[in-house]
């Protein structure tokens, strides 16, 4: 860098330092004299306007659980039937004998 900028090799550092100062001075909020509880309340208020999370209700959770159980019971019945018929695939591959 010294090869290209010579005596002005401090300029990139000065630009970054000035940018950091301006960001801190004009973008970051002033928090002097504010309690942590007030900061938390302010952050919660500002974030709650843009992000809204609604967790699953009790009815939704129960419906999902019921559907899951039905699906698992159906899968178990299908597997038992396939085992009885001798068509159940256990996931094994036959080893072909070499001639």
N, C-alpha and C. Protein backbone atom coordinates (compact mmCIF):
# COMPACT_ATOMS: atom_id res chain seq x y z
N UNK A 1 0.83 -1.18 0.00
CA UNK A 1 0.00 0.00 0.00
C UNK A 1 0.89 1.25 0.00
N UNK A 2 1.98 1.20 0.73
CA UNK A 2 2.88 2.33 0.77
C UNK A 2 3.44 2.62 -0.61
N UNK A 3 3.62 1.57 -1.38
CA UNK A 3 4.16 1.73 -2.73
C UNK A 3 3.24 2.59 -3.60
N UNK A 4 1.93 2.40 -3.45
CA UNK A 4 0.97 3.11 -4.30
C UNK A 4 0.54 4.46 -3.71
N UNK A 5 0.41 4.53 -2.38
CA UNK A 5 -0.10 5.75 -1.76
C UNK A 5 1.01 6.65 -1.21
N UNK A 6 2.16 6.11 -1.01
CA UNK A 6 3.28 6.91 -0.51
C UNK A 6 2.99 7.50 0.85
N UNK A 7 3.15 8.80 0.95
CA UNK A 7 2.94 9.49 2.22
C UNK A 7 1.48 9.53 2.63
N UNK A 8 0.57 9.20 1.72
CA UNK A 8 -0.86 9.23 2.01
C UNK A 8 -1.43 7.86 2.37
N UNK A 9 -0.61 6.95 2.83
CA UNK A 9 -1.08 5.60 3.16
C UNK A 9 -2.01 5.59 4.38
N UNK A 10 -2.08 6.70 5.12
CA UNK A 10 -2.99 6.80 6.26
C UNK A 10 -4.42 7.12 5.84
N UNK A 11 -4.63 7.52 4.60
CA UNK A 11 -5.95 7.98 4.13
C UNK A 11 -7.02 6.88 4.24
N UNK A 12 -6.79 5.63 3.82
CA UNK A 12 -7.84 4.62 4.00
C UNK A 12 -8.24 4.44 5.46
N UNK A 13 -7.25 4.44 6.35
CA UNK A 13 -7.56 4.33 7.78
C UNK A 13 -8.38 5.53 8.24
N UNK A 14 -8.02 6.72 7.81
CA UNK A 14 -8.74 7.93 8.21
C UNK A 14 -10.18 7.89 7.71
N UNK A 15 -10.40 7.38 6.51
CA UNK A 15 -11.76 7.29 5.95
C UNK A 15 -12.60 6.33 6.79
N UNK A 16 -12.04 5.18 7.13
CA UNK A 16 -12.78 4.20 7.94
C UNK A 16 -13.06 4.77 9.33
N UNK A 17 -12.08 5.46 9.91
CA UNK A 17 -12.26 6.06 11.23
C UNK A 17 -13.35 7.14 11.18
N UNK A 18 -13.36 7.97 10.18
CA UNK A 18 -14.38 9.00 10.04
C UNK A 18 -15.76 8.38 9.83
N UNK A 19 -15.83 7.35 9.00
CA UNK A 19 -17.12 6.66 8.77
C UNK A 19 -17.65 6.06 10.05
N UNK A 20 -16.79 5.44 10.84
CA UNK A 20 -17.21 4.85 12.12
C UNK A 20 -17.71 5.92 13.08
N UNK A 21 -17.02 7.05 13.13
CA UNK A 21 -17.45 8.14 14.00
C UNK A 21 -18.81 8.69 13.58
N UNK A 22 -19.00 8.92 12.29
CA UNK A 22 -20.29 9.44 11.81
C UNK A 22 -21.42 8.45 12.07
N UNK A 23 -21.15 7.16 11.89
CA UNK A 23 -22.17 6.15 12.17
C UNK A 23 -22.55 6.19 13.65
N UNK A 24 -21.57 6.24 14.53
CA UNK A 24 -21.84 6.27 15.97
C UNK A 24 -22.56 7.55 16.37
N UNK A 25 -22.21 8.65 15.77
CA UNK A 25 -22.79 9.94 16.15
C UNK A 25 -24.22 10.12 15.66
N UNK A 26 -24.54 9.60 14.45
CA UNK A 26 -25.84 9.90 13.88
C UNK A 26 -26.81 8.72 13.80
N UNK A 27 -26.32 7.50 13.86
CA UNK A 27 -27.20 6.34 13.69
C UNK A 27 -27.50 5.66 15.02
N UNK A 28 -26.49 5.46 15.84
CA UNK A 28 -26.70 4.76 17.11
C UNK A 28 -27.47 5.64 18.08
N UNK A 29 -28.41 5.07 18.84
CA UNK A 29 -29.21 5.88 19.76
C UNK A 29 -28.40 6.23 21.02
N UNK A 30 -28.77 7.33 21.62
CA UNK A 30 -28.15 7.76 22.88
C UNK A 30 -28.82 6.99 24.02
N UNK A 31 -28.03 6.38 24.87
CA UNK A 31 -28.59 5.57 25.95
C UNK A 31 -28.13 6.04 27.32
N UNK A 32 -27.46 7.17 27.40
CA UNK A 32 -26.99 7.66 28.69
C UNK A 32 -28.17 8.02 29.57
N UNK A 33 -28.16 7.53 30.81
CA UNK A 33 -29.22 7.81 31.76
C UNK A 33 -30.43 6.90 31.60
N UNK A 34 -30.36 5.92 30.74
CA UNK A 34 -31.47 5.00 30.52
C UNK A 34 -31.19 3.70 31.27
N UNK A 35 -32.19 3.19 31.96
CA UNK A 35 -32.01 1.94 32.70
C UNK A 35 -32.09 0.76 31.73
N UNK A 36 -31.50 -0.37 32.10
CA UNK A 36 -31.60 -1.55 31.24
C UNK A 36 -33.04 -1.98 30.97
N UNK A 37 -33.92 -1.80 31.94
CA UNK A 37 -35.33 -2.15 31.75
C UNK A 37 -35.98 -1.27 30.69
N UNK A 38 -35.65 0.03 30.72
CA UNK A 38 -36.19 0.94 29.70
C UNK A 38 -35.66 0.59 28.32
N UNK A 39 -34.37 0.23 28.24
CA UNK A 39 -33.80 -0.17 26.95
C UNK A 39 -34.48 -1.43 26.42
N UNK A 40 -34.70 -2.40 27.31
CA UNK A 40 -35.36 -3.64 26.89
C UNK A 40 -36.78 -3.37 26.42
N UNK A 41 -37.48 -2.50 27.14
CA UNK A 41 -38.86 -2.16 26.74
C UNK A 41 -38.87 -1.45 25.39
N UNK A 42 -37.92 -0.55 25.18
CA UNK A 42 -37.85 0.17 23.90
C UNK A 42 -37.52 -0.77 22.74
N UNK A 43 -36.58 -1.68 22.98
CA UNK A 43 -36.23 -2.64 21.93
C UNK A 43 -37.41 -3.56 21.63
N UNK A 44 -38.09 -4.02 22.66
CA UNK A 44 -39.25 -4.88 22.44
C UNK A 44 -40.32 -4.15 21.65
N UNK A 45 -40.55 -2.89 21.99
CA UNK A 45 -41.56 -2.10 21.28
C UNK A 45 -41.17 -1.90 19.82
N UNK A 46 -39.92 -1.55 19.58
CA UNK A 46 -39.51 -1.28 18.19
C UNK A 46 -39.49 -2.56 17.36
N UNK A 47 -39.13 -3.68 17.96
CA UNK A 47 -39.09 -4.94 17.20
C UNK A 47 -40.47 -5.55 17.04
N UNK A 48 -41.37 -5.30 17.99
CA UNK A 48 -42.69 -5.91 17.91
C UNK A 48 -43.52 -5.31 16.78
N UNK A 49 -43.18 -4.11 16.33
CA UNK A 49 -43.92 -3.52 15.22
C UNK A 49 -43.58 -4.20 13.90
N UNK A 50 -42.35 -4.67 13.77
CA UNK A 50 -41.94 -5.24 12.50
C UNK A 50 -42.00 -6.76 12.47
N UNK A 51 -41.92 -7.41 13.62
CA UNK A 51 -41.91 -8.86 13.66
C UNK A 51 -43.02 -9.32 14.59
N UNK A 52 -43.95 -10.06 14.06
CA UNK A 52 -45.05 -10.56 14.86
C UNK A 52 -45.00 -12.08 14.80
N UNK A 53 -44.88 -12.71 15.95
CA UNK A 53 -44.85 -14.16 16.01
C UNK A 53 -46.07 -14.64 16.76
N UNK A 54 -46.81 -15.51 16.12
CA UNK A 54 -47.95 -16.13 16.77
C UNK A 54 -47.68 -17.62 16.83
N UNK A 55 -47.44 -18.09 18.02
CA UNK A 55 -47.16 -19.51 18.20
C UNK A 55 -48.42 -20.33 17.95
N UNK A 56 -48.25 -21.63 17.85
CA UNK A 56 -49.41 -22.48 17.61
C UNK A 56 -50.36 -22.44 18.80
N UNK A 57 -51.63 -22.41 18.50
CA UNK A 57 -52.61 -22.44 19.57
C UNK A 57 -52.77 -23.87 20.05
N UNK A 58 -53.48 -24.04 21.13
CA UNK A 58 -53.68 -25.38 21.69
C UNK A 58 -54.43 -26.26 20.70
N UNK A 59 -55.42 -25.68 20.01
CA UNK A 59 -56.18 -26.46 19.04
C UNK A 59 -55.29 -26.92 17.88
N UNK A 60 -54.43 -26.04 17.41
CA UNK A 60 -53.54 -26.39 16.31
C UNK A 60 -52.59 -27.51 16.72
N UNK A 61 -52.03 -27.41 17.92
CA UNK A 61 -51.10 -28.43 18.41
C UNK A 61 -51.81 -29.77 18.55
N UNK A 62 -53.04 -29.75 19.03
CA UNK A 62 -53.80 -31.00 19.18
C UNK A 62 -54.11 -31.59 17.82
N UNK A 63 -54.49 -30.75 16.86
CA UNK A 63 -54.79 -31.24 15.51
C UNK A 63 -53.56 -31.87 14.87
N UNK A 64 -52.41 -31.23 15.02
CA UNK A 64 -51.19 -31.77 14.46
C UNK A 64 -50.87 -33.11 15.09
N UNK A 65 -51.03 -33.21 16.42
CA UNK A 65 -50.76 -34.46 17.12
C UNK A 65 -51.69 -35.56 16.65
N UNK A 66 -52.96 -35.25 16.48
CA UNK A 66 -53.94 -36.25 16.03
C UNK A 66 -53.59 -36.72 14.62
N UNK A 67 -53.28 -35.78 13.72
CA UNK A 67 -52.93 -36.15 12.35
C UNK A 67 -51.67 -36.99 12.31
N UNK A 68 -50.70 -36.65 13.13
CA UNK A 68 -49.45 -37.40 13.19
C UNK A 68 -49.71 -38.83 13.65
N UNK A 69 -50.51 -38.96 14.69
CA UNK A 69 -50.82 -40.31 15.19
C UNK A 69 -51.57 -41.14 14.15
N UNK A 70 -52.53 -40.51 13.44
CA UNK A 70 -53.25 -41.22 12.38
C UNK A 70 -52.30 -41.68 11.29
N UNK A 71 -51.40 -40.83 10.89
CA UNK A 71 -50.45 -41.18 9.84
C UNK A 71 -49.54 -42.33 10.28
N UNK A 72 -49.07 -42.30 11.52
CA UNK A 72 -48.20 -43.36 12.02
C UNK A 72 -48.95 -44.69 12.14
N UNK A 73 -50.21 -44.63 12.58
CA UNK A 73 -51.01 -45.85 12.68
C UNK A 73 -51.27 -46.44 11.29
N UNK A 74 -51.56 -45.59 10.31
CA UNK A 74 -51.78 -46.05 8.94
C UNK A 74 -50.52 -46.69 8.38
N UNK A 75 -49.37 -46.07 8.60
CA UNK A 75 -48.11 -46.62 8.15
C UNK A 75 -47.82 -47.97 8.80
N UNK A 76 -48.11 -48.08 10.09
CA UNK A 76 -47.90 -49.35 10.78
C UNK A 76 -48.81 -50.44 10.21
N UNK A 77 -50.08 -50.11 9.94
CA UNK A 77 -51.00 -51.10 9.35
C UNK A 77 -50.51 -51.55 7.98
N UNK A 78 -50.05 -50.59 7.16
CA UNK A 78 -49.56 -50.94 5.83
C UNK A 78 -48.33 -51.84 5.91
N UNK A 79 -47.44 -51.56 6.84
CA UNK A 79 -46.25 -52.39 6.99
C UNK A 79 -46.60 -53.79 7.47
N UNK A 80 -47.54 -53.88 8.43
CA UNK A 80 -47.95 -55.19 8.92
C UNK A 80 -48.60 -56.01 7.80
N UNK A 81 -49.42 -55.37 6.98
CA UNK A 81 -50.05 -56.07 5.87
C UNK A 81 -49.01 -56.55 4.87
N UNK A 82 -48.04 -55.70 4.56
CA UNK A 82 -46.99 -56.08 3.62
C UNK A 82 -46.15 -57.22 4.19
N UNK A 83 -45.94 -57.25 5.49
CA UNK A 83 -45.20 -58.35 6.11
C UNK A 83 -45.99 -59.66 6.00
N UNK A 84 -47.29 -59.58 6.22
CA UNK A 84 -48.13 -60.77 6.13
C UNK A 84 -48.16 -61.31 4.71
N UNK A 85 -48.17 -60.42 3.72
CA UNK A 85 -48.21 -60.83 2.33
C UNK A 85 -46.82 -61.23 1.80
N UNK A 86 -45.80 -60.92 2.58
CA UNK A 86 -44.45 -61.24 2.15
C UNK A 86 -43.88 -60.25 1.16
N UNK A 87 -44.45 -59.08 1.06
CA UNK A 87 -43.96 -58.08 0.11
C UNK A 87 -43.29 -56.90 0.80
N UNK A 88 -43.06 -57.01 2.09
CA UNK A 88 -42.46 -55.89 2.83
C UNK A 88 -41.00 -55.74 2.45
N UNK A 89 -40.59 -54.53 2.17
CA UNK A 89 -39.20 -54.25 1.81
C UNK A 89 -38.47 -53.80 3.07
N UNK A 90 -37.56 -54.63 3.54
CA UNK A 90 -36.82 -54.32 4.76
C UNK A 90 -35.66 -53.37 4.51
N UNK A 91 -35.43 -53.01 3.28
CA UNK A 91 -34.37 -52.08 2.95
C UNK A 91 -33.04 -52.77 2.67
N UNK A 92 -33.05 -54.09 2.63
CA UNK A 92 -31.82 -54.82 2.36
C UNK A 92 -31.69 -55.08 0.87
N UNK A 93 -30.48 -55.14 0.41
CA UNK A 93 -30.23 -55.47 -0.98
C UNK A 93 -29.61 -56.87 -1.02
N UNK A 94 -30.10 -57.67 -1.91
CA UNK A 94 -29.56 -59.02 -2.05
C UNK A 94 -28.14 -58.95 -2.60
N UNK A 95 -27.34 -59.83 -2.08
CA UNK A 95 -25.97 -59.94 -2.59
C UNK A 95 -26.00 -60.97 -3.70
N UNK A 96 -25.68 -60.51 -4.86
CA UNK A 96 -25.70 -61.39 -6.02
C UNK A 96 -24.46 -62.29 -5.98
N UNK A 97 -24.67 -63.61 -6.15
CA UNK A 97 -23.51 -64.50 -6.15
C UNK A 97 -22.68 -64.27 -7.41
N UNK A 98 -21.38 -64.34 -7.20
CA UNK A 98 -20.47 -64.18 -8.34
C UNK A 98 -20.30 -65.53 -9.03
N UNK A 99 -20.38 -65.55 -10.32
CA UNK A 99 -20.23 -66.80 -11.07
C UNK A 99 -18.79 -67.10 -11.36
